């Protein structure tokens, strides 16, 4: 009788509904933050992490991982001012770099209760270099190389056996694409989708 060794197949793409993620309060201010996905080393050291900040009040402060570079992207709601003096405005579909251990967000006092939503990508330069890129996807398309996750703003996207709609994320396995991917990532099938890609 011959022993057979079964090699595990690639991990499936993970569907994450942002609204269902646990949330914690900001350091100060009206709002909260949800951790979407990330990667850590064997000793718990951060490689990269993607978080969703939902600001409800006129201001909010989020503690950021130390010794990391940060990229912010506005994905919904009224524009927010970024930094101690709120000198830089972050509106929907704008991406900006940010340095510091505290993220200060401010917005005018609004009558509407609509949340301002900001994605925060933190990465340690020695471990990973990541970026946030808005993209339109139509029909079947090969994703760029190095895509780690995508947040769907509108439409629907399927890849790796999972399908995501607006305000949902697809987290790809660490090794994506396989031998048929070449220098690109896996194939996604989209229905008029607008997505934010985490690349790196």
Protein backbone atom coordinates (compact mmCIF):
# COMPACT_ATOMS: atom_id res chain seq x y z
CA UNK A 1 0.00 0.00 0.00
CA UNK A 2 1.46 3.35 -1.01
CA UNK A 3 1.18 6.35 1.26
CA UNK A 4 -0.23 9.46 -0.40
CA UNK A 5 0.63 13.00 0.62
CA UNK A 6 -2.03 15.63 0.11
CA UNK A 7 -0.72 19.14 -0.44
CA UNK A 8 -3.09 21.86 0.72
CA UNK A 9 -4.63 23.93 -2.06
CA UNK A 10 -4.47 27.70 -2.16
CA UNK A 11 -6.47 29.54 0.46
CA UNK A 12 -9.78 30.91 -0.81
CA UNK A 13 -10.46 34.61 -1.23
CA UNK A 14 -12.15 35.86 1.94
CA UNK A 15 -15.31 37.97 1.78
CA UNK A 16 -15.55 40.63 4.51
CA UNK A 17 -18.65 42.75 5.09
CA UNK A 18 -17.37 46.02 6.51
CA UNK A 19 -20.58 46.76 8.41
CA UNK A 20 -20.31 43.43 10.27
CA UNK A 21 -16.76 43.97 11.54
CA UNK A 22 -16.26 44.68 15.25
CA UNK A 23 -15.70 48.34 15.97
CA UNK A 24 -13.86 50.26 18.65
CA UNK A 25 -14.08 53.91 19.60
CA UNK A 26 -11.58 56.49 18.48
CA UNK A 27 -9.07 57.88 20.98
CA UNK A 28 -11.24 61.00 21.11
CA UNK A 29 -14.18 62.31 19.13
CA UNK A 30 -17.38 60.89 17.71
CA UNK A 31 -16.81 57.83 15.60
CA UNK A 32 -15.17 54.44 15.50
CA UNK A 33 -12.68 52.27 13.60
CA UNK A 34 -12.93 48.76 12.16
CA UNK A 35 -9.94 46.57 11.30
CA UNK A 36 -10.50 45.05 7.84
CA UNK A 37 -7.42 42.94 7.18
CA UNK A 38 -3.65 42.86 7.45
CA UNK A 39 -0.58 40.75 7.85
CA UNK A 40 1.64 40.23 10.88
CA UNK A 41 4.88 38.31 11.43
CA UNK A 42 5.33 35.18 13.55
CA UNK A 43 6.11 37.35 16.58
CA UNK A 44 3.14 39.64 16.05
CA UNK A 45 5.08 42.42 14.33
CA UNK A 46 3.05 44.45 11.84
CA UNK A 47 3.66 44.08 8.11
CA UNK A 48 0.57 45.96 6.92
CA UNK A 49 -2.97 46.71 8.10
CA UNK A 50 -6.11 48.20 6.53
CA UNK A 51 -8.64 49.98 8.76
CA UNK A 52 -11.92 51.80 8.18
CA UNK A 53 -12.51 55.00 10.15
CA UNK A 54 -16.11 56.20 10.37
CA UNK A 55 -16.30 59.76 11.70
CA UNK A 56 -19.69 60.85 13.00
CA UNK A 57 -18.92 64.02 14.95
CA UNK A 58 -16.95 67.17 14.11
CA UNK A 59 -13.60 65.59 15.03
CA UNK A 60 -11.88 62.32 15.78
CA UNK A 61 -8.38 61.07 16.60
CA UNK A 62 -7.06 57.59 15.78
CA UNK A 63 -3.87 56.11 17.24
CA UNK A 64 -1.70 54.72 14.42
CA UNK A 65 0.94 51.96 14.52
CA UNK A 66 4.40 53.43 15.28
CA UNK A 67 7.24 53.27 12.75
CA UNK A 68 4.79 52.81 9.87
CA UNK A 69 3.92 54.74 6.73
CA UNK A 70 0.25 55.52 6.14
CA UNK A 71 -1.97 56.08 3.11
CA UNK A 72 -5.50 57.50 3.43
CA UNK A 73 -8.40 57.23 1.01
CA UNK A 74 -11.80 58.89 1.27
CA UNK A 75 -14.56 56.45 0.35
CA UNK A 76 -17.78 58.04 1.56
CA UNK A 77 -19.58 60.91 3.24
CA UNK A 78 -18.61 64.55 3.67
CA UNK A 79 -15.02 65.70 3.18
CA UNK A 80 -12.75 65.73 6.23
CA UNK A 81 -9.78 67.90 7.13
CA UNK A 82 -6.60 65.98 7.96
CA UNK A 83 -3.89 66.98 10.42
CA UNK A 84 -3.60 69.21 13.50
CA UNK A 85 -4.79 72.30 11.65
CA UNK A 86 -7.04 70.36 9.24
CA UNK A 87 -5.16 72.11 6.45
CA UNK A 88 -5.54 69.30 3.90
CA UNK A 89 -8.99 68.24 2.74
CA UNK A 90 -9.65 64.56 2.03
CA UNK A 91 -12.72 64.03 -0.12
CA UNK A 92 -14.18 60.92 -1.71
CA UNK A 93 -11.87 59.13 -4.15
CA UNK A 94 -8.82 61.11 -3.05
CA UNK A 95 -5.69 59.30 -1.82
CA UNK A 96 -3.00 60.94 0.30
CA UNK A 97 0.07 59.97 2.34
CA UNK A 98 0.21 60.69 6.04
CA UNK A 99 2.98 60.59 8.65
CA UNK A 100 2.57 60.49 12.41
CA UNK A 101 1.39 58.31 15.27
CA UNK A 102 -2.00 60.04 15.59
CA UNK A 103 -4.45 60.69 12.77
CA UNK A 104 -6.52 63.81 13.42
CA UNK A 105 -9.69 64.21 11.35
CA UNK A 106 -12.08 67.16 11.43
CA UNK A 107 -15.21 68.16 9.55
CA UNK A 108 -17.71 71.01 9.82
CA UNK A 109 -20.59 70.62 12.20
CA UNK A 110 -23.24 69.03 10.00
CA UNK A 111 -26.95 68.65 10.44
CA UNK A 112 -26.98 65.33 8.65
CA UNK A 113 -25.84 62.27 10.56
CA UNK A 114 -24.03 60.81 7.53
CA UNK A 115 -20.68 59.26 8.37
CA UNK A 116 -17.42 60.35 6.76
CA UNK A 117 -15.56 57.14 5.85
CA UNK A 118 -11.79 56.98 5.46
CA UNK A 119 -9.66 53.92 4.74
CA UNK A 120 -6.28 53.91 6.49
CA UNK A 121 -3.52 51.66 5.16
CA UNK A 122 -0.47 51.33 7.45
CA UNK A 123 2.66 49.45 6.43
CA UNK A 124 6.13 49.03 7.88
CA UNK A 125 8.65 49.91 5.20
CA UNK A 126 11.03 47.12 6.21
CA UNK A 127 8.22 44.55 5.86
CA UNK A 128 5.94 45.74 3.05
CA UNK A 129 5.37 48.62 0.65
CA UNK A 130 1.70 49.02 -0.08
CA UNK A 131 -0.52 51.49 -1.93
CA UNK A 132 -4.21 52.31 -2.40
CA UNK A 133 -5.45 52.61 -6.00
CA UNK A 134 -8.99 53.36 -7.23
CA UNK A 135 -9.96 51.38 -10.32
CA UNK A 136 -12.96 50.62 -12.54
CA UNK A 137 -13.55 46.96 -13.41
CA UNK A 138 -15.84 45.71 -16.19
CA UNK A 139 -16.32 42.05 -17.12
CA UNK A 140 -13.44 39.59 -16.72
CA UNK A 141 -10.11 41.27 -16.00
CA UNK A 142 -6.70 40.25 -14.73
CA UNK A 143 -5.91 42.09 -11.51
CA UNK A 144 -2.55 43.87 -11.19
CA UNK A 145 0.29 41.91 -9.61
CA UNK A 146 0.53 42.20 -5.87
CA UNK A 147 -3.13 42.90 -5.09
CA UNK A 148 -3.71 41.94 -1.46
CA UNK A 149 -7.32 43.07 -1.06
CA UNK A 150 -10.02 45.17 -2.69
CA UNK A 151 -12.82 47.24 -1.20
CA UNK A 152 -15.89 47.53 -3.45
CA UNK A 153 -17.45 51.01 -3.63
CA UNK A 154 -20.12 50.13 -6.21
CA UNK A 155 -21.09 47.22 -8.44
CA UNK A 156 -20.08 43.62 -7.83
CA UNK A 157 -16.78 41.73 -8.12
CA UNK A 158 -16.09 37.98 -8.03
CA UNK A 159 -12.70 36.31 -7.64
CA UNK A 160 -11.35 33.24 -5.90
CA UNK A 161 -14.82 31.81 -5.29
CA UNK A 162 -16.20 34.88 -3.46
CA UNK A 163 -18.38 37.78 -4.60
CA UNK A 164 -18.45 41.24 -3.02
CA UNK A 165 -20.84 44.18 -3.42
CA UNK A 166 -20.69 47.77 -2.17
CA UNK A 167 -19.10 48.24 1.30
CA UNK A 168 -17.67 44.73 1.20
CA UNK A 169 -14.04 43.65 0.79
CA UNK A 170 -12.30 40.72 -0.83
CA UNK A 171 -9.10 39.67 0.93
CA UNK A 172 -6.87 37.63 -1.36
CA UNK A 173 -4.61 34.83 -0.12
CA UNK A 174 -0.91 35.67 0.25
CA UNK A 175 0.04 33.63 -2.82
CA UNK A 176 -2.33 34.58 -5.63
CA UNK A 177 -2.50 33.82 -9.28
CA UNK A 178 -0.59 30.55 -9.61
CA UNK A 179 1.45 29.55 -12.64
CA UNK A 180 -1.06 30.97 -15.11
CA UNK A 181 -0.93 34.45 -13.63
CA UNK A 182 2.48 35.39 -15.00
CA UNK A 183 3.41 38.88 -13.85
CA UNK A 184 -0.22 39.69 -13.01
CA UNK A 185 -2.67 38.72 -10.32
CA UNK A 186 -5.77 36.52 -10.43
CA UNK A 187 -8.76 37.02 -12.71
CA UNK A 188 -11.77 38.92 -11.40
CA UNK A 189 -15.21 39.17 -13.00
CA UNK A 190 -16.93 42.50 -12.37
CA UNK A 191 -20.33 44.05 -12.99
CA UNK A 192 -19.60 47.77 -13.51
CA UNK A 193 -17.55 47.92 -10.33
CA UNK A 194 -15.62 50.76 -8.75
CA UNK A 195 -13.06 49.38 -6.33
CA UNK A 196 -10.17 50.43 -4.14
CA UNK A 197 -7.21 48.06 -4.51
CA UNK A 198 -4.61 47.40 -1.82
CA UNK A 199 -1.46 46.75 -3.86
CA UNK A 200 2.03 45.87 -2.69
